[in-house]
Amino acid sequence: MQIANAGNSDRRRFSAQALQLAQMLHDWDPIGVYGGDDPNPSPDEYDDLVSPILTALRANPDPTSLARQLRAVLSSDYGLSDVVNIDEFAERVVAWSNAKWDESNP
């Protein structure tokens, strides 16, 4: 998984699914942007992760595999060595992805 370039993280081009994932990333807030001192943090802080996560989900990873991929990208691109609740986030994302797939294929 690699961080998307800025052109791939334009919310105006996000699908409904991408917007839902962006909200999940916002709620998770792995670097603490939304609970910090900035009174007006950018709402798109994690949008560069949306496309890579959606791409990773196409391979139908288990939560452990997705968490491993997220750890690697957050370490290399965000400089984070210890990410809080990454396993729980990966579980939620995989469950969400599986539910979305089930809804689209009755």
C-alpha atoms as a PDB file:
ATOM      1  CA  MET A   1       0.000   0.000   0.000  1.00  0.00           C
ATOM      2  CA  GLN A   2       1.271   3.445  -0.900  1.00  0.00           C
ATOM      3  CA  ILE A   3      -0.119   6.849  -0.091  1.00  0.00           C
ATOM      4  CA  ALA A   4      -2.052   8.323  -2.981  1.00  0.00           C
ATOM      5  CA  ASN A   5      -0.810  11.476  -4.613  1.00  0.00           C
ATOM      6  CA  ALA A   6      -2.671  14.696  -3.951  1.00  0.00           C
ATOM      7  CA  GLY A   7      -4.623  14.422  -7.204  1.00  0.00           C
ATOM      8  CA  ASN A   8      -6.139  11.124  -6.078  1.00  0.00           C
ATOM      9  CA  SER A   9      -7.397  12.492  -2.792  1.00  0.00           C
ATOM     10  CA  ASP A  10      -9.763  15.143  -4.156  1.00  0.00           C
ATOM     11  CA  ARG A  11     -13.059  14.725  -2.328  1.00  0.00           C
ATOM     12  CA  ARG A  12     -14.977  16.172  -5.242  1.00  0.00           C
ATOM     13  CA  ARG A  13     -14.130  12.956  -7.109  1.00  0.00           C
ATOM     14  CA  PHE A  14     -14.819  10.554  -4.232  1.00  0.00           C
ATOM     15  CA  SER A  15     -17.502   7.931  -4.620  1.00  0.00           C
ATOM     16  CA  ALA A  16     -20.023   7.405  -1.841  1.00  0.00           C
ATOM     17  CA  GLN A  17     -17.913   4.474  -0.642  1.00  0.00           C
ATOM     18  CA  ALA A  18     -14.751   6.615  -0.604  1.00  0.00           C
ATOM     19  CA  LEU A  19     -16.554   9.309   1.394  1.00  0.00           C
ATOM     20  CA  GLN A  20     -17.674   6.710   3.940  1.00  0.00           C
ATOM     21  CA  LEU A  21     -14.107   5.451   4.306  1.00  0.00           C
ATOM     22  CA  ALA A  22     -12.844   9.033   4.624  1.00  0.00           C
ATOM     23  CA  GLN A  23     -15.291   9.521   7.511  1.00  0.00           C
ATOM     24  CA  MET A  24     -14.081   6.305   9.148  1.00  0.00           C
ATOM     25  CA  LEU A  25     -10.489   7.568   8.923  1.00  0.00           C
ATOM     26  CA  HIS A  26     -11.556  10.936  10.343  1.00  0.00           C
ATOM     27  CA  ASP A  27     -13.279   9.211  13.259  1.00  0.00           C
ATOM     28  CA  TRP A  28     -10.249   6.964  13.900  1.00  0.00           C
ATOM     29  CA  ASP A  29      -7.841   9.937  13.719  1.00  0.00           C
ATOM     30  CA  PRO A  30      -4.552   8.002  14.082  1.00  0.00           C
ATOM     31  CA  ILE A  31      -2.361  11.087  14.439  1.00  0.00           C
ATOM     32  CA  GLY A  32      -4.716  13.035  16.710  1.00  0.00           C
ATOM     33  CA  VAL A  33      -5.476  15.904  14.330  1.00  0.00           C
ATOM     34  CA  TYR A  34      -9.076  16.309  15.395  1.00  0.00           C
ATOM     35  CA  GLY A  35      -8.466  16.155  19.124  1.00  0.00           C
ATOM     36  CA  GLY A  36      -5.523  18.539  19.081  1.00  0.00           C
ATOM     37  CA  ASP A  37      -4.975  22.232  19.599  1.00  0.00           C
ATOM     38  CA  ASP A  38      -5.917  23.360  16.092  1.00  0.00           C
ATOM     39  CA  PRO A  39      -9.447  24.809  16.325  1.00  0.00           C
ATOM     40  CA  ASN A  40     -10.024  24.304  12.572  1.00  0.00           C
ATOM     41  CA  PRO A  41      -8.228  21.171  11.423  1.00  0.00           C
ATOM     42  CA  SER A  42      -8.511  20.229   7.772  1.00  0.00           C
ATOM     43  CA  PRO A  43     -11.397  17.763   7.258  1.00  0.00           C
ATOM     44  CA  ASP A  44      -9.389  15.946   4.596  1.00  0.00           C
ATOM     45  CA  GLU A  45      -6.314  15.080   6.667  1.00  0.00           C
ATOM     46  CA  TYR A  46      -6.461  11.364   5.867  1.00  0.00           C
ATOM     47  CA  ASP A  47      -7.940  11.509   2.371  1.00  0.00           C
ATOM     48  CA  ASP A  48      -4.634  10.381   0.877  1.00  0.00           C
ATOM     49  CA  LEU A  49      -5.225   7.004   2.552  1.00  0.00           C
ATOM     50  CA  VAL A  50      -8.664   6.430   1.020  1.00  0.00           C
ATOM     51  CA  SER A  51      -7.621   5.264  -2.441  1.00  0.00           C
ATOM     52  CA  PRO A  52      -4.824   2.965  -1.197  1.00  0.00           C
ATOM     53  CA  ILE A  53      -7.140   1.349   1.364  1.00  0.00           C
ATOM     54  CA  LEU A  54      -9.881   0.829  -1.225  1.00  0.00           C
ATOM     55  CA  THR A  55      -7.298  -0.719  -3.539  1.00  0.00           C
ATOM     56  CA  ALA A  56      -6.060  -3.000  -0.755  1.00  0.00           C
ATOM     57  CA  LEU A  57      -9.651  -4.052  -0.015  1.00  0.00           C
ATOM     58  CA  ARG A  58     -10.059  -5.338  -3.579  1.00  0.00           C
ATOM     59  CA  ALA A  59      -7.678  -8.170  -2.625  1.00  0.00           C
ATOM     60  CA  ASN A  60     -10.092  -9.113   0.187  1.00  0.00           C
ATOM     61  CA  PRO A  61      -7.502  -8.945   2.990  1.00  0.00           C
ATOM     62  CA  ASP A  62      -8.177 -10.227   6.458  1.00  0.00           C
ATOM     63  CA  PRO A  63      -8.007  -7.610   9.236  1.00  0.00           C
ATOM     64  CA  THR A  64      -4.499  -8.691  10.253  1.00  0.00           C
ATOM     65  CA  SER A  65      -3.172  -8.203   6.723  1.00  0.00           C
ATOM     66  CA  LEU A  66      -4.856  -4.811   6.344  1.00  0.00           C
ATOM     67  CA  ALA A  67      -3.517  -3.704   9.733  1.00  0.00           C
ATOM     68  CA  ARG A  68      -0.019  -4.751   8.675  1.00  0.00           C
ATOM     69  CA  GLN A  69      -0.326  -2.734   5.465  1.00  0.00           C
ATOM     70  CA  LEU A  70      -1.642   0.278   7.359  1.00  0.00           C
ATOM     71  CA  ARG A  71       1.207   0.059   9.888  1.00  0.00           C
ATOM     72  CA  ALA A  72       3.748   0.045   7.069  1.00  0.00           C
ATOM     73  CA  VAL A  73       2.290   3.055   5.273  1.00  0.00           C
ATOM     74  CA  LEU A  74       1.696   5.050   8.448  1.00  0.00           C
ATOM     75  CA  SER A  75       5.256   4.360   9.516  1.00  0.00           C
ATOM     76  CA  SER A  76       6.875   5.223   6.183  1.00  0.00           C
ATOM     77  CA  ASP A  77       4.672   8.148   5.102  1.00  0.00           C
ATOM     78  CA  TYR A  78       3.446   9.604   8.390  1.00  0.00           C
ATOM     79  CA  GLY A  79       6.422   8.706  10.579  1.00  0.00           C
ATOM     80  CA  LEU A  80       4.267   6.839  13.095  1.00  0.00           C
ATOM     81  CA  SER A  81       5.800   3.881  14.852  1.00  0.00           C
ATOM     82  CA  ASP A  82       2.981   3.013  17.252  1.00  0.00           C
ATOM     83  CA  VAL A  83      -0.537   3.558  15.960  1.00  0.00           C
ATOM     84  CA  VAL A  84      -3.365   3.343  18.460  1.00  0.00           C
ATOM     85  CA  ASN A  85      -6.268   1.008  17.693  1.00  0.00           C
ATOM     86  CA  ILE A  86      -4.983   0.003  14.256  1.00  0.00           C
ATOM     87  CA  ASP A  87      -6.161  -3.598  14.662  1.00  0.00           C
ATOM     88  CA  GLU A  88      -9.661  -2.489  15.648  1.00  0.00           C
ATOM     89  CA  PHE A  89      -9.760  -0.015  12.766  1.00  0.00           C
ATOM     90  CA  ALA A  90      -8.686  -2.701  10.284  1.00  0.00           C
ATOM     91  CA  GLU A  91     -11.399  -5.022  11.615  1.00  0.00           C
ATOM     92  CA  ARG A  92     -14.037  -2.303  11.188  1.00  0.00           C
ATOM     93  CA  VAL A  93     -12.878  -1.479   7.663  1.00  0.00           C
ATOM     94  CA  VAL A  94     -12.825  -5.114   6.535  1.00  0.00           C
ATOM     95  CA  ALA A  95     -16.278  -5.721   8.043  1.00  0.00           C
ATOM     96  CA  TRP A  96     -17.580  -2.537   6.388  1.00  0.00           C
ATOM     97  CA  SER A  97     -16.068  -3.575   3.055  1.00  0.00           C
ATOM     98  CA  ASN A  98     -17.564  -7.061   3.291  1.00  0.00           C
ATOM     99  CA  ALA A  99     -20.984  -5.614   4.127  1.00  0.00           C
ATOM    100  CA  LYS A 100     -20.736  -3.238   1.157  1.00  0.00           C
ATOM    101  CA  TRP A 101     -19.837  -6.131  -1.134  1.00  0.00           C
ATOM    102  CA  ASP A 102     -22.771  -8.180   0.166  1.00  0.00           C
ATOM    103  CA  GLU A 103     -25.156  -5.241  -0.431  1.00  0.00           C
ATOM    104  CA  SER A 104     -24.005  -4.793  -4.010  1.00  0.00           C
ATOM    105  CA  ASN A 105     -24.323  -8.523  -4.838  1.00  0.00           C
ATOM    106  CA  PRO A 106     -27.684  -9.755  -3.557  1.00  0.00           C
END
